[in-house]
Amino acid sequence: VVSTGAPKVSVPDVEGLPYEKAKSDLEDKGFDVQQKTEESDRNPGVVISQDPEGGTEQEKGSTITLTVAKEKEQSTVPDVLGKTCDEATAQMEANDLSGNCQEVDTQDPNQVGKVISTSPTAGTQADKGDTVTIQIGKQAEQQQATVPTVTQLSLKDARKALEQAGLSVGQISGSQDDNAVVISQDPQPNTQVAQGTAVNLVAFGQGGNNNGGGDNGGQIFGGVNGVSARTDD
């Protein structure tokens, strides 16, 4: 039996060639060429695929379809700072983009529930259909600290103890001297508070280093304990 079909020839591999060069090579081998385009990161006008593939045996006169790269259409990332997630994603869709909201901690109460940044940033050119990450402010959880006991300590040591606990010294009533003795604190010892909370102190006298509190301290503590301290006229 004698075949009446067209002779078969090897299809040239033209992927990566400019379309006009690829078309010419295929036509020289007796093939018809059909072109279609597809958005791609590759250089526009370059063949990114072919069907049938190069190296296969095909009849002369058959059609080889070449897919040619074209530049991706782009859109500008809109400015959505201060908007809610729903508002921001709607704006992205209006610009042919997709929005993905992610919560991030913020210390600013005015930013809670609002867009604080986007990636890519506003004004950037992005491929249509790309996803823009939208960061939404979330109230940061405050770290807790235990208020240490600082009564009976010198004011200097009380400051140090509070700082080591992650707290700060608030209002100091009475003596401001570093050697003055703390007789009262607010909040009270062992209270759970947010880190950075200010602890108010009441200090009296000059504790001194080796004088056991001195005369002033003794008189004041005597008064505090309910024992009247008499002074001569």
Protein backbone atom coordinates (compact mmCIF):
# COMPACT_ATOMS: atom_id res chain seq x y z
CA VAL A 1 0.00 0.00 0.00
CA VAL A 2 1.41 3.36 -1.00
CA SER A 3 0.78 6.21 1.44
CA THR A 4 -0.82 9.26 -0.08
CA GLY A 5 -0.14 11.45 2.98
CA ALA A 6 2.28 14.34 2.92
CA PRO A 7 5.84 13.50 3.86
CA LYS A 8 6.81 14.04 7.48
CA VAL A 9 9.62 16.33 8.53
CA SER A 10 11.14 17.25 11.86
CA VAL A 11 9.66 20.36 13.44
CA PRO A 12 12.35 22.94 14.25
CA ASP A 13 12.63 23.99 17.90
CA VAL A 14 11.90 27.71 17.79
CA GLU A 15 11.22 28.46 21.45
CA GLY A 16 13.10 31.55 22.59
CA LEU A 17 13.35 32.99 19.08
CA PRO A 18 11.70 36.24 17.98
CA TYR A 19 8.35 35.44 16.37
CA GLU A 20 9.30 36.55 12.85
CA LYS A 21 12.46 34.42 12.89
CA ALA A 22 10.55 31.41 14.26
CA LYS A 23 7.80 31.82 11.66
CA SER A 24 10.35 32.00 8.85
CA ASP A 25 12.17 28.85 10.02
CA LEU A 26 8.94 26.87 10.20
CA GLU A 27 7.66 28.05 6.84
CA ASP A 28 10.99 27.10 5.27
CA LYS A 29 10.26 23.54 6.41
CA GLY A 30 6.81 23.62 4.81
CA PHE A 31 4.70 24.29 7.90
CA ASP A 32 1.89 26.77 8.37
CA VAL A 33 2.19 29.03 11.41
CA GLN A 34 -0.51 30.26 13.76
CA GLN A 35 0.24 32.85 16.44
CA LYS A 36 -1.32 33.48 19.82
CA THR A 37 -0.10 35.80 22.56
CA GLU A 38 0.19 35.39 26.31
CA GLU A 39 1.26 37.77 29.07
CA SER A 40 4.71 36.83 30.26
CA ASP A 41 7.75 38.08 32.15
CA ARG A 42 9.85 37.21 29.10
CA ASN A 43 10.72 39.73 26.42
CA PRO A 44 7.70 40.72 24.34
CA GLY A 45 7.67 39.12 20.86
CA VAL A 46 9.64 36.03 21.91
CA VAL A 47 8.21 32.54 21.34
CA ILE A 48 7.57 31.00 24.77
CA SER A 49 6.04 27.71 23.57
CA GLN A 50 5.11 25.82 20.43
CA ASP A 51 2.64 23.09 19.57
CA PRO A 52 3.62 20.54 18.32
CA GLU A 53 6.96 20.66 20.12
CA GLY A 54 10.27 20.97 18.34
CA GLY A 55 11.90 17.72 17.31
CA THR A 56 8.66 15.88 16.60
CA GLU A 57 7.85 14.48 13.13
CA GLN A 58 4.91 16.21 11.47
CA GLU A 59 3.46 16.26 7.97
CA LYS A 60 4.40 19.12 5.73
CA GLY A 61 1.61 21.67 5.53
CA SER A 62 0.44 21.02 9.09
CA THR A 63 0.00 23.98 11.42
CA ILE A 64 2.43 24.86 14.19
CA THR A 65 0.95 27.13 16.87
CA LEU A 66 3.39 29.57 18.43
CA THR A 67 2.66 31.27 21.75
CA VAL A 68 4.35 34.65 21.81
CA ALA A 69 5.08 36.69 24.93
CA LYS A 70 3.39 40.02 25.40
CA GLU A 71 4.01 42.59 28.10
CA LYS A 72 1.85 42.25 31.19
CA GLU A 73 -0.70 44.98 31.70
CA GLN A 74 0.02 46.98 34.82
CA SER A 75 -1.94 48.98 37.33
CA THR A 76 -1.02 51.55 39.96
CA VAL A 77 -1.29 50.53 43.62
CA PRO A 78 -3.77 53.01 45.15
CA ASP A 79 -3.22 54.94 48.38
CA VAL A 80 -5.48 53.30 50.98
CA LEU A 81 -3.80 54.45 54.20
CA GLY A 82 -6.33 55.03 56.97
CA LYS A 83 -9.06 52.98 55.28
CA THR A 84 -10.67 49.82 56.64
CA CYS A 85 -9.83 46.40 55.20
CA ASP A 86 -13.09 46.27 53.23
CA GLU A 87 -12.57 49.75 51.81
CA ALA A 88 -8.97 48.99 50.89
CA THR A 89 -9.71 45.67 49.17
CA ALA A 90 -12.55 47.28 47.21
CA GLN A 91 -10.15 49.97 46.02
CA MET A 92 -7.63 47.32 44.98
CA GLU A 93 -10.27 45.49 42.96
CA ALA A 94 -11.24 48.75 41.27
CA ASN A 95 -7.60 49.00 40.16
CA ASP A 96 -7.58 45.40 38.84
CA LEU A 97 -5.57 44.21 41.83
CA SER A 98 -6.27 41.86 44.71
CA GLY A 99 -5.95 42.85 48.37
CA ASN A 100 -4.89 40.58 51.23
CA CYS A 101 -5.37 42.07 54.72
CA GLN A 102 -3.00 41.10 57.53
CA GLU A 103 -3.15 42.38 61.11
CA VAL A 104 -0.04 43.89 62.68
CA ASP A 105 0.44 45.23 66.22
CA THR A 106 0.31 48.97 66.74
CA GLN A 107 0.69 51.17 69.80
CA ASP A 108 -1.35 53.96 68.18
CA PRO A 109 -5.06 53.60 69.01
CA ASN A 110 -5.91 55.76 65.98
CA GLN A 111 -4.48 53.07 63.69
CA VAL A 112 -6.48 50.16 65.11
CA GLY A 113 -8.66 48.66 62.36
CA LYS A 114 -7.12 50.94 59.73
CA VAL A 115 -4.57 50.44 56.96
CA ILE A 116 -1.10 51.45 58.15
CA SER A 117 0.92 50.25 55.13
CA THR A 118 0.78 48.27 51.89
CA SER A 119 3.27 46.15 50.00
CA PRO A 120 3.92 47.18 47.27
CA THR A 121 3.56 50.78 48.43
CA ALA A 122 1.07 53.25 47.00
CA GLY A 123 2.02 54.59 43.58
CA THR A 124 3.97 51.47 42.61
CA GLN A 125 3.25 49.80 39.27
CA ALA A 126 2.07 46.20 39.66
CA ASP A 127 0.90 43.58 37.20
CA LYS A 128 -2.87 43.46 36.89
CA GLY A 129 -4.24 40.70 39.09
CA ASP A 130 -1.29 40.84 41.49
CA THR A 131 -1.95 40.65 45.23
CA VAL A 132 -1.19 43.65 47.42
CA THR A 133 -0.54 42.93 51.09
CA ILE A 134 -2.55 45.34 53.24
CA GLN A 135 -1.43 45.75 56.86
CA ILE A 136 -4.24 46.55 59.29
CA GLY A 137 -3.43 47.94 62.74
CA LYS A 138 -4.26 45.75 65.74
CA GLN A 139 -4.02 46.87 69.36
CA ALA A 140 -0.79 45.45 70.68
CA GLU A 141 -1.13 43.31 73.78
CA GLN A 142 0.60 44.99 76.68
CA GLN A 143 3.18 42.98 78.56
CA GLN A 144 2.39 42.56 82.23
CA ALA A 145 4.71 43.16 85.17
CA THR A 146 4.48 42.44 88.90
CA VAL A 147 4.92 45.45 91.16
CA PRO A 148 7.81 44.73 93.55
CA THR A 149 7.86 45.68 97.22
CA VAL A 150 9.87 48.88 97.55
CA THR A 151 8.72 50.10 100.96
CA GLN A 152 11.54 50.32 103.51
CA LEU A 153 14.01 50.76 100.64
CA SER A 154 15.90 53.94 99.98
CA LEU A 155 14.49 56.03 97.18
CA LYS A 156 17.56 55.21 95.11
CA ASP A 157 17.11 51.45 95.55
CA ALA A 158 13.36 51.72 94.97
CA ARG A 159 13.96 53.38 91.60
CA LYS A 160 16.37 50.62 90.64
CA ALA A 161 13.95 47.86 91.70
CA LEU A 162 11.09 49.39 89.72
CA GLU A 163 13.21 49.83 86.60
CA GLN A 164 14.39 46.21 86.80
CA ALA A 165 10.73 45.13 86.97
CA GLY A 166 9.95 47.08 83.80
CA LEU A 167 8.15 49.86 85.64
CA SER A 168 8.83 53.54 86.17
CA VAL A 169 8.77 55.91 89.10
CA GLY A 170 5.73 58.16 89.16
CA GLN A 171 5.05 61.00 91.57
CA ILE A 172 7.26 61.14 94.65
CA SER A 173 5.68 62.74 97.69
CA GLY A 174 7.80 63.90 100.60
CA SER A 175 11.58 63.86 100.51
CA GLN A 176 13.30 63.69 97.15
CA ASP A 177 16.64 62.66 98.65
CA ASP A 178 18.11 59.41 97.30
CA ASN A 179 18.60 58.20 100.87
CA ALA A 180 15.03 58.93 101.93
CA VAL A 181 13.08 55.80 102.91
CA VAL A 182 9.99 54.75 100.98
CA ILE A 183 7.06 54.20 103.36
CA SER A 184 4.23 53.88 100.86
CA GLN A 185 3.71 52.88 97.24
CA ASP A 186 0.85 52.84 94.76
CA PRO A 187 0.08 50.37 93.12
CA GLN A 188 0.61 47.97 96.00
CA PRO A 189 3.21 45.16 95.93
CA ASN A 190 2.43 42.05 93.83
CA THR A 191 -0.15 43.91 91.73
CA GLN A 192 -0.19 42.94 88.03
CA VAL A 193 0.12 46.02 85.82
CA ALA A 194 1.19 46.85 82.28
CA GLN A 195 4.91 47.24 81.72
CA GLY A 196 5.98 50.85 81.95
CA THR A 197 3.32 51.70 84.55
CA ALA A 198 4.38 54.50 86.90
CA VAL A 199 4.48 53.63 90.61
CA ASN A 200 3.86 56.56 92.96
CA LEU A 201 5.98 56.71 96.10
CA VAL A 202 5.91 58.44 99.47
CA ALA A 203 9.34 58.91 101.05
CA PHE A 204 10.41 60.56 104.28
CA GLY A 205 13.62 61.52 105.99
CA GLN A 206 17.15 60.76 104.99
CA GLY A 207 17.85 57.11 105.50
CA GLY A 208 21.60 57.58 105.51
CA ASN A 209 24.04 54.71 105.21
CA ASN A 210 24.90 53.75 108.77
CA ASN A 211 22.85 55.91 111.10
CA GLY A 212 19.76 53.68 111.18
CA GLY A 213 17.58 56.34 109.67
CA GLY A 214 18.84 59.30 111.70
CA ASP A 215 16.83 61.54 113.98
CA ASN A 216 14.55 62.82 111.22
CA GLY A 217 13.71 59.33 110.03
CA GLY A 218 13.05 58.18 113.60
CA GLN A 219 10.71 61.05 114.31
CA ILE A 220 8.77 60.52 111.10
CA PHE A 221 8.40 56.77 111.50
CA GLY A 222 7.39 57.37 115.11
CA GLY A 223 4.60 59.61 113.89
CA VAL A 224 3.56 57.13 111.25
CA ASN A 225 3.39 54.31 113.80
CA GLY A 226 1.14 56.35 116.02
CA VAL A 227 3.79 57.37 118.57
CA SER A 228 3.84 61.09 119.06
CA ALA A 229 7.23 62.70 118.52
CA ARG A 230 7.65 65.61 120.95
CA THR A 231 9.81 68.53 120.01
CA ASP A 232 11.07 71.16 122.41
CA ASP A 233 9.83 74.67 121.99
